Amino acid sequence: MEPLLHQKPRRPTLAILTHSDDTRIFRGNKENYIDLIAAGEAKGVHVYVMTTANFKLTANQAIGYSYNFKTKSWKKELLPLPHVIYNRIPYRKFEQLPEVQTILQSCLRHRSIHFFNPSFFNKWTLFEWLNKSRETGPYIPTTQKLTTSDDLEKLLLKHSSLYLKPVRGKAGKGIMKVSRIIEKTTRVQKYQLSVQDKTRSHISRYTNVSQLWAQINQMMVTQDYIMQQAISLSLYKQRPFDLRVLVQKNSKGAWTVAGIGARLAGKQSITTHVPRGGSIDDPAKLLSAGFGTTESKKILQRARSASLLIAKQIGKASGSTLGEMSLDLGVDTTGQIWFFEANSKPMKFDEPHIRKQSLDNLINYCVHLSKKIKKKTVTTMSKKAR
């Protein structure tokens, strides 16, 4: 007798998991969800949205939201149990709720449902994973935990500029930059602190590390931080830029680069994040301005190779099923590639060619997973992401 779950061969079914909400239908980027539903329909894959409310995987159906393209409306209804669940819970604070953790663990343990990208990354854990590998280690700037003023002072002696980043930060929020500088007028060494605030940074100066630490410590009260060697990034019209790489698994379950974009820092910003004043630009244009056309092509190829190595190492070290991630890579003034950050919940890429490829990859990967027999799952990643 056939098992109750998926009794009849039916088209692959993908559920997008997000958080429930009291004031709106559910949280997250609805346009993103609609695009993925449309991409699924074009490829014969049934895609719908599940929320953390009324969540059950105990029968052959699940409560979810389907989208009607004619009426442009969502409908809550009983839908087929998904073959694959894609985690798009948008914020760490939601993901870490005890009731949500219970849901995530039930997804991981389910005997026939594949669940990918189970949690946000922790920045410190990422650097530990990547430093373990001889292949990815050379791309990692010097990175240490920030716990005392002595830690800060020692690393500032080795590197004149450091970035301070919250280990659970997102979109550039909470980032600070510390630099040892010599004032032009007095020729006295001081410490400069730049604090990112929306689209600009606020700058203050201190005569010693104790004063500097007192200010930094006030801002670290609720979060753990890492400190990282500041890389002298390549510039375009006196503004630094970095590369944003979308890496996804394809129809064969292999990592592939969906596309590379560039983010140019705002005039008064210490980061390139678009919500912090950065802007989207063409990587070939920005790199060609500093390195020439031929060399810029080589740099982009090296960025692709580095991204695949990094994605493979993160996937291996995490022990989790990962289907996509975005990477922030820097290119220094010599053309060397550096890794800054990885995000397991990539924001939508606005470049049309990357956007189309990203949707195709997600649907193709869903089809790939739906054909696989689920193996025993390691469930340690959500703990490491805290």
Protein backbone atom coordinates (compact mmCIF):
# COMPACT_ATOMS: atom_id res chain seq x y z
CA MET A 1 0.00 0.00 0.00
CA GLU A 2 1.29 3.47 -0.90
CA PRO A 3 2.12 5.89 1.96
CA LEU A 4 -0.39 8.65 2.65
CA LEU A 5 2.14 11.40 1.98
CA HIS A 6 2.35 12.21 -1.74
CA GLN A 7 0.14 9.19 -2.64
CA LYS A 8 -0.15 10.15 -6.28
CA PRO A 9 2.77 11.47 -8.26
CA ARG A 10 2.06 15.16 -8.42
CA ARG A 11 3.99 18.13 -9.62
CA PRO A 12 6.80 19.30 -7.33
CA THR A 13 5.49 21.55 -4.58
CA LEU A 14 7.50 24.32 -2.91
CA ALA A 15 6.37 26.18 0.21
CA ILE A 16 7.97 29.52 1.08
CA LEU A 17 8.09 29.74 4.88
CA THR A 18 7.71 33.18 6.44
CA HIS A 19 6.53 34.68 9.72
CA SER A 20 2.89 35.35 10.55
CA ASP A 21 1.73 38.87 11.34
CA ASP A 22 -1.13 40.43 13.30
CA THR A 23 -1.57 43.52 11.11
CA ARG A 24 -0.80 42.21 7.62
CA ILE A 25 -1.27 38.90 5.86
CA PHE A 26 2.34 37.80 6.54
CA ARG A 27 5.86 39.22 6.76
CA GLY A 28 8.50 39.46 4.04
CA ASN A 29 8.81 40.71 0.47
CA LYS A 30 5.50 39.76 -1.16
CA GLU A 31 6.74 40.79 -4.62
CA ASN A 32 9.56 38.31 -4.20
CA TYR A 33 7.11 35.56 -3.30
CA ILE A 34 4.84 36.40 -6.25
CA ASP A 35 7.80 36.31 -8.65
CA LEU A 36 8.76 32.87 -7.36
CA ILE A 37 5.17 31.61 -7.66
CA ALA A 38 5.10 32.82 -11.29
CA ALA A 39 8.46 31.21 -12.03
CA GLY A 40 7.16 27.96 -10.57
CA GLU A 41 3.99 28.03 -12.67
CA ALA A 42 6.10 28.47 -15.81
CA LYS A 43 8.06 25.32 -14.95
CA GLY A 44 5.23 23.18 -13.62
CA VAL A 45 6.06 23.66 -9.94
CA HIS A 46 3.34 24.49 -7.42
CA VAL A 47 4.59 27.31 -5.14
CA TYR A 48 2.75 28.81 -2.20
CA VAL A 49 3.45 30.63 1.09
CA MET A 50 3.32 29.02 4.54
CA THR A 51 3.49 30.99 7.78
CA THR A 52 4.54 30.15 11.31
CA ALA A 53 0.89 30.40 12.39
CA ASN A 54 -1.31 27.30 12.04
CA PHE A 55 1.79 25.37 11.04
CA LYS A 56 1.32 21.59 10.81
CA LEU A 57 3.08 18.86 8.87
CA THR A 58 1.14 15.93 10.30
CA ALA A 59 -1.29 15.24 7.43
CA ASN A 60 -1.10 15.18 3.64
CA GLN A 61 -2.17 18.82 3.44
CA ALA A 62 -0.94 22.10 4.89
CA ILE A 63 -2.46 25.53 5.48
CA GLY A 64 -0.96 28.04 3.10
CA TYR A 65 -1.55 31.09 0.92
CA SER A 66 -1.94 30.81 -2.85
CA TYR A 67 -1.80 33.84 -5.14
CA ASN A 68 -4.39 34.69 -7.79
CA PHE A 69 -2.77 36.65 -10.62
CA LYS A 70 -6.11 37.74 -12.08
CA THR A 71 -7.49 39.28 -8.90
CA LYS A 72 -4.02 40.09 -7.51
CA SER A 73 -5.02 38.67 -4.15
CA TRP A 74 -3.93 36.02 -1.65
CA LYS A 75 -6.17 33.17 -0.53
CA LYS A 76 -5.69 31.13 2.63
CA GLU A 77 -6.56 27.48 2.02
CA LEU A 78 -5.64 23.82 2.46
CA LEU A 79 -2.87 22.94 0.00
CA PRO A 80 -0.82 19.83 -0.82
CA LEU A 81 1.96 19.07 1.64
CA PRO A 82 5.15 20.51 0.13
CA HIS A 83 8.05 18.42 -1.12
CA VAL A 84 10.39 21.32 -0.34
CA ILE A 85 10.29 24.22 2.17
CA TYR A 86 12.33 27.37 1.54
CA ASN A 87 13.03 29.40 4.69
CA ARG A 88 12.40 33.12 4.14
CA ILE A 89 11.62 34.18 7.73
CA PRO A 90 12.89 37.76 7.37
CA TYR A 91 14.41 38.63 10.76
CA ARG A 92 16.58 36.89 13.35
CA LYS A 93 14.29 38.02 16.16
CA PHE A 94 11.45 36.00 14.58
CA GLU A 95 13.65 33.02 13.81
CA GLN A 96 14.91 32.80 17.39
CA LEU A 97 11.46 32.72 18.99
CA PRO A 98 11.04 29.37 20.83
CA GLU A 99 7.85 28.52 18.96
CA VAL A 100 9.53 29.25 15.62
CA GLN A 101 12.58 27.18 16.56
CA THR A 102 10.20 24.28 17.21
CA ILE A 103 8.75 24.71 13.72
CA LEU A 104 12.20 24.85 12.10
CA GLN A 105 13.26 21.68 13.89
CA SER A 106 10.10 19.89 12.73
CA CYS A 107 10.94 20.89 9.15
CA LEU A 108 14.48 19.56 9.52
CA ARG A 109 13.32 16.26 11.01
CA HIS A 110 10.44 15.57 8.64
CA ARG A 111 10.97 12.25 6.88
CA SER A 112 9.94 13.36 3.39
CA ILE A 113 10.21 17.16 3.23
CA HIS A 114 13.44 18.85 2.18
CA PHE A 115 14.10 22.07 4.08
CA PHE A 116 16.82 24.44 2.92
CA ASN A 117 18.56 27.49 4.36
CA PRO A 118 17.41 26.71 7.91
CA SER A 119 18.80 29.84 9.59
CA PHE A 120 20.66 33.11 9.34
CA PHE A 121 24.46 32.99 9.43
CA ASN A 122 26.52 34.13 12.40
CA LYS A 123 29.44 36.29 11.20
CA TRP A 124 31.96 34.91 13.67
CA THR A 125 31.03 31.30 12.90
CA LEU A 126 31.36 32.02 9.17
CA PHE A 127 34.95 33.21 9.57
CA GLU A 128 35.77 30.18 11.71
CA TRP A 129 34.41 27.89 8.99
CA LEU A 130 36.27 29.65 6.19
CA ASN A 131 39.58 29.88 8.04
CA LYS A 132 39.54 26.08 8.46
CA SER A 133 40.09 25.56 4.74
CA ARG A 134 43.36 26.22 2.92
CA GLU A 135 41.32 27.05 -0.17
CA THR A 136 39.19 29.78 1.43
CA GLY A 137 41.57 31.04 4.16
CA PRO A 138 43.50 33.40 1.83
CA TYR A 139 40.31 35.37 1.09
CA ILE A 140 39.65 36.18 4.76
CA PRO A 141 40.79 39.51 6.30
CA THR A 142 42.17 39.32 9.83
CA THR A 143 39.07 38.88 11.99
CA GLN A 144 38.77 38.56 15.77
CA LYS A 145 36.12 38.75 18.45
CA LEU A 146 35.85 42.16 20.09
CA THR A 147 35.56 41.83 23.87
CA THR A 148 38.00 44.27 25.53
CA SER A 149 39.84 47.52 24.85
CA ASP A 150 43.10 45.53 24.85
CA ASP A 151 41.78 43.44 21.94
CA LEU A 152 41.02 46.61 20.03
CA GLU A 153 44.35 48.31 20.80
CA LYS A 154 46.43 45.28 19.80
CA LEU A 155 44.71 44.85 16.45
CA LEU A 156 44.93 48.61 15.76
CA LEU A 157 48.71 48.32 16.12
CA LYS A 158 48.72 45.75 13.30
CA HIS A 159 46.12 47.44 11.10
CA SER A 160 45.55 51.20 11.09
CA SER A 161 41.85 50.80 10.23
CA LEU A 162 39.30 48.25 11.44
CA TYR A 163 35.63 47.56 10.83
CA LEU A 164 33.53 46.61 13.86
CA LYS A 165 30.53 44.49 12.94
CA PRO A 166 27.68 42.94 14.94
CA VAL A 167 27.84 39.15 14.55
CA ARG A 168 24.10 39.03 13.86
CA GLY A 169 23.86 42.23 11.83
CA LYS A 170 21.99 42.76 8.57
CA ALA A 171 22.20 45.29 5.71
CA GLY A 172 25.04 47.24 7.31
CA LYS A 173 23.17 48.07 10.52
CA GLY A 174 25.42 48.70 13.53
CA ILE A 175 28.71 48.78 11.59
CA MET A 176 31.48 51.06 12.88
CA LYS A 177 34.92 51.95 11.53
CA VAL A 178 37.93 52.77 13.73
CA SER A 179 41.14 54.35 12.38
CA ARG A 180 44.48 55.49 13.76
CA ILE A 181 45.12 58.90 12.23
CA ILE A 182 47.63 61.73 12.49
CA GLU A 183 45.90 65.11 12.64
CA LYS A 184 47.21 67.43 9.94
CA THR A 185 47.41 70.56 12.09
CA THR A 186 48.81 69.19 15.36
CA ARG A 187 50.59 66.05 14.02
CA VAL A 188 49.16 64.24 17.07
CA GLN A 189 47.92 60.66 16.79
CA LYS A 190 44.21 60.26 17.43
CA TYR A 191 41.57 57.59 17.03
CA GLN A 192 38.69 58.26 14.65
CA LEU A 193 35.35 56.51 15.05
CA SER A 194 32.84 56.48 12.19
CA VAL A 195 29.37 55.20 13.05
CA GLN A 196 26.97 54.25 10.26
CA ASP A 197 23.51 55.81 10.64
CA LYS A 198 21.04 55.30 7.81
CA THR A 199 22.61 56.95 4.74
CA ARG A 200 25.60 58.69 6.35
CA SER A 201 28.24 58.19 9.02
CA HIS A 202 28.93 60.28 12.12
CA ILE A 203 32.60 60.93 12.87
CA SER A 204 34.20 61.57 16.26
CA ARG A 205 37.83 61.62 17.46
CA TYR A 206 39.52 60.52 20.68
CA THR A 207 42.97 61.06 22.15
CA ASN A 208 43.38 57.53 23.54
CA VAL A 209 41.95 54.03 23.28
CA SER A 210 40.23 54.28 26.69
CA GLN A 211 38.06 57.18 25.50
CA LEU A 212 37.41 55.42 22.20
CA TRP A 213 36.45 52.18 23.97
CA ALA A 214 34.05 53.96 26.31
CA GLN A 215 32.08 55.19 23.30
CA ILE A 216 32.19 51.87 21.43
CA ASN A 217 31.20 49.92 24.54
CA GLN A 218 28.01 51.97 24.88
CA MET A 219 26.99 50.92 21.39
CA MET A 220 27.78 47.22 21.92
CA VAL A 221 25.51 46.75 24.94
CA THR A 222 22.99 44.45 23.28
CA GLN A 223 25.16 42.72 20.67
CA ASP A 224 28.35 40.73 20.22
CA TYR A 225 30.84 42.25 17.80
CA ILE A 226 33.77 41.18 15.66
CA MET A 227 36.61 43.43 14.52
CA GLN A 228 38.04 43.07 11.06
CA GLN A 229 41.00 44.41 9.15
CA ALA A 230 39.86 47.22 6.84
CA ILE A 231 40.84 46.52 3.25
CA SER A 232 41.93 49.36 0.95
CA LEU A 233 39.17 48.87 -1.59
CA SER A 234 39.40 49.82 -5.23
CA LEU A 235 37.74 53.20 -5.85
CA TYR A 236 35.50 54.62 -8.54
CA LYS A 237 35.43 58.43 -8.58
CA GLN A 238 36.92 58.42 -5.06
CA ARG A 239 34.19 56.14 -3.71
CA PRO A 240 34.84 52.53 -2.62
CA PHE A 241 32.80 49.70 -4.06
CA ASP A 242 32.45 45.98 -3.55
CA LEU A 243 30.94 43.03 -5.39
CA ARG A 244 27.69 41.28 -4.48
CA VAL A 245 27.65 37.72 -5.72
CA LEU A 246 24.55 35.53 -5.76
CA VAL A 247 25.52 31.86 -5.45
CA GLN A 248 22.81 29.21 -5.83
CA LYS A 249 22.44 25.51 -6.43
CA ASN A 250 21.16 24.45 -9.83
CA SER A 251 19.08 21.61 -11.27
CA LYS A 252 21.85 19.14 -10.40
CA GLY A 253 22.28 20.43 -6.84
CA ALA A 254 25.67 21.98 -7.69
CA TRP A 255 26.76 25.48 -6.66
CA THR A 256 26.70 28.02 -9.48
CA VAL A 257 27.13 31.80 -9.71
CA ALA A 258 23.77 33.33 -10.67
CA GLY A 259 25.37 36.73 -11.19
CA ILE A 260 27.67 39.43 -9.88
CA GLY A 261 26.54 42.96 -9.10
CA ALA A 262 28.39 45.93 -7.68
CA ARG A 263 27.50 48.30 -4.84
CA LEU A 264 29.07 51.75 -4.75
CA ALA A 265 29.35 53.45 -1.35
CA GLY A 266 27.40 56.63 -0.68
CA LYS A 267 29.41 59.85 -0.39
CA GLN A 268 29.18 59.95 3.41
CA SER A 269 28.81 56.26 4.10
CA ILE A 270 31.31 53.72 5.47
CA THR A 271 29.47 50.80 3.81
CA THR A 272 28.20 50.00 0.32
CA HIS A 273 24.79 48.69 1.45
CA VAL A 274 21.98 50.25 -0.57
CA PRO A 275 19.77 50.88 2.53
CA ARG A 276 22.77 52.83 3.94
CA GLY A 277 23.19 55.14 0.94
CA GLY A 278 24.99 52.82 -1.46
CA SER A 279 23.97 52.45 -5.10
CA ILE A 280 23.76 49.62 -7.64
CA ASP A 281 26.27 49.74 -10.48
CA ASP A 282 27.91 47.64 -13.18
CA PRO A 283 30.92 45.69 -11.85
CA ALA A 284 32.70 45.62 -15.23
CA LYS A 285 32.44 49.42 -15.51
CA LEU A 286 33.73 50.08 -12.01
CA LEU A 287 36.60 47.59 -12.28
CA SER A 288 37.58 48.71 -15.79
CA ALA A 289 38.00 52.28 -14.56
CA GLY A 290 40.76 51.17 -12.20
CA PHE A 291 42.24 48.08 -13.84
CA GLY A 292 41.37 48.24 -17.55
CA THR A 293 39.00 46.00 -19.51
CA THR A 294 41.22 42.92 -19.79
CA GLU A 295 42.22 42.83 -16.12
CA SER A 296 38.66 43.54 -14.94
CA LYS A 297 37.48 40.38 -16.76
CA LYS A 298 40.17 38.37 -14.96
CA ILE A 299 39.16 39.85 -11.59
CA LEU A 300 35.50 38.94 -12.18
CA GLN A 301 36.52 35.40 -13.09
CA ARG A 302 38.59 35.15 -9.90
CA ALA A 303 35.57 36.45 -7.96
CA ARG A 304 33.43 33.68 -9.46
CA SER A 305 35.97 31.01 -8.56
CA ALA A 306 36.36 32.37 -5.02
CA SER A 307 32.58 32.51 -4.54
CA LEU A 308 32.13 28.85 -5.46
CA LEU A 309 34.93 27.78 -3.11
CA ILE A 310 33.45 29.86 -0.28
CA ALA A 311 29.89 28.58 -0.83
CA LYS A 312 31.09 24.96 -0.88
CA GLN A 313 33.07 25.42 2.33
CA ILE A 314 30.16 27.12 4.15
CA GLY A 315 27.81 24.36 3.01
CA LYS A 316 30.23 21.64 4.12
CA ALA A 317 31.06 23.23 7.49
CA SER A 318 27.45 24.10 8.35
CA GLY A 319 26.20 20.54 7.89
CA SER A 320 22.92 22.00 6.63
CA THR A 321 21.07 21.92 3.33
CA LEU A 322 21.79 25.26 1.67
CA GLY A 323 20.36 26.33 -1.68
CA GLU A 324 21.59 29.91 -1.97
CA MET A 325 23.58 32.70 -0.38
CA SER A 326 24.79 36.14 -1.32
CA LEU A 327 28.43 37.05 -0.77
CA ASP A 328 30.02 40.46 -0.26
CA LEU A 329 33.48 40.45 -1.84
CA GLY A 330 36.00 43.29 -1.88
CA VAL A 331 38.61 44.00 -4.54
CA ASP A 332 41.65 45.82 -3.16
CA THR A 333 43.88 48.27 -5.05
CA THR A 334 46.07 45.39 -6.28
CA GLY A 335 43.12 43.38 -7.62
CA GLN A 336 43.07 40.80 -4.80
CA ILE A 337 39.70 39.33 -3.79
CA TRP A 338 38.56 39.49 -0.14
CA PHE A 339 35.54 37.96 1.57
CA PHE A 340 33.52 40.23 3.89
CA GLU A 341 30.13 38.66 4.49
CA ALA A 342 27.65 35.95 3.50
CA ASN A 343 23.87 36.14 3.81
CA SER A 344 21.66 33.05 3.87
CA LYS A 345 18.57 35.19 3.19
CA PRO A 346 19.68 37.21 0.14
CA MET A 347 17.79 40.35 -0.67
CA LYS A 348 16.28 40.58 -4.14
CA PHE A 349 18.88 41.48 -6.79
CA ASP A 350 17.52 44.33 -8.92
CA GLU A 351 19.69 43.54 -11.95
CA PRO A 352 17.15 41.93 -14.38
CA HIS A 353 19.48 39.19 -15.70
CA ILE A 354 20.49 38.15 -12.16
CA ARG A 355 16.90 38.28 -10.99
CA LYS A 356 15.66 35.97 -13.75
CA GLN A 357 18.51 33.50 -13.21
CA SER A 358 17.93 33.49 -9.46
CA LEU A 359 14.27 32.52 -9.85
CA ASP A 360 15.11 29.80 -12.40
CA ASN A 361 17.78 28.37 -10.10
CA LEU A 362 15.47 28.26 -7.08
CA ILE A 363 12.75 26.42 -9.01
CA ASN A 364 15.23 24.03 -10.63
CA TYR A 365 16.81 23.28 -7.25
CA CYS A 366 13.36 22.60 -5.81
CA VAL A 367 12.70 20.07 -8.59
CA HIS A 368 16.10 18.47 -7.87
CA LEU A 369 15.32 18.14 -4.15
CA SER A 370 11.81 16.80 -4.78
CA LYS A 371 13.33 13.84 -6.64
CA LYS A 372 15.77 12.97 -3.86
CA ILE A 373 15.16 10.56 -0.99
CA LYS A 374 15.81 12.52 2.19
CA LYS A 375 18.84 11.51 4.23
CA LYS A 376 19.39 12.00 7.96
CA THR A 377 19.70 15.74 8.62
CA VAL A 378 22.20 17.53 10.85
CA THR A 379 20.36 20.17 12.90
CA THR A 380 23.23 22.10 14.48
CA MET A 381 23.16 25.16 12.26
CA SER A 382 20.32 27.02 13.97
CA LYS A 383 22.25 26.84 17.23
CA LYS A 384 25.41 28.24 15.63
CA ALA A 385 23.46 31.13 14.14
CA ARG A 386 22.38 32.49 17.50
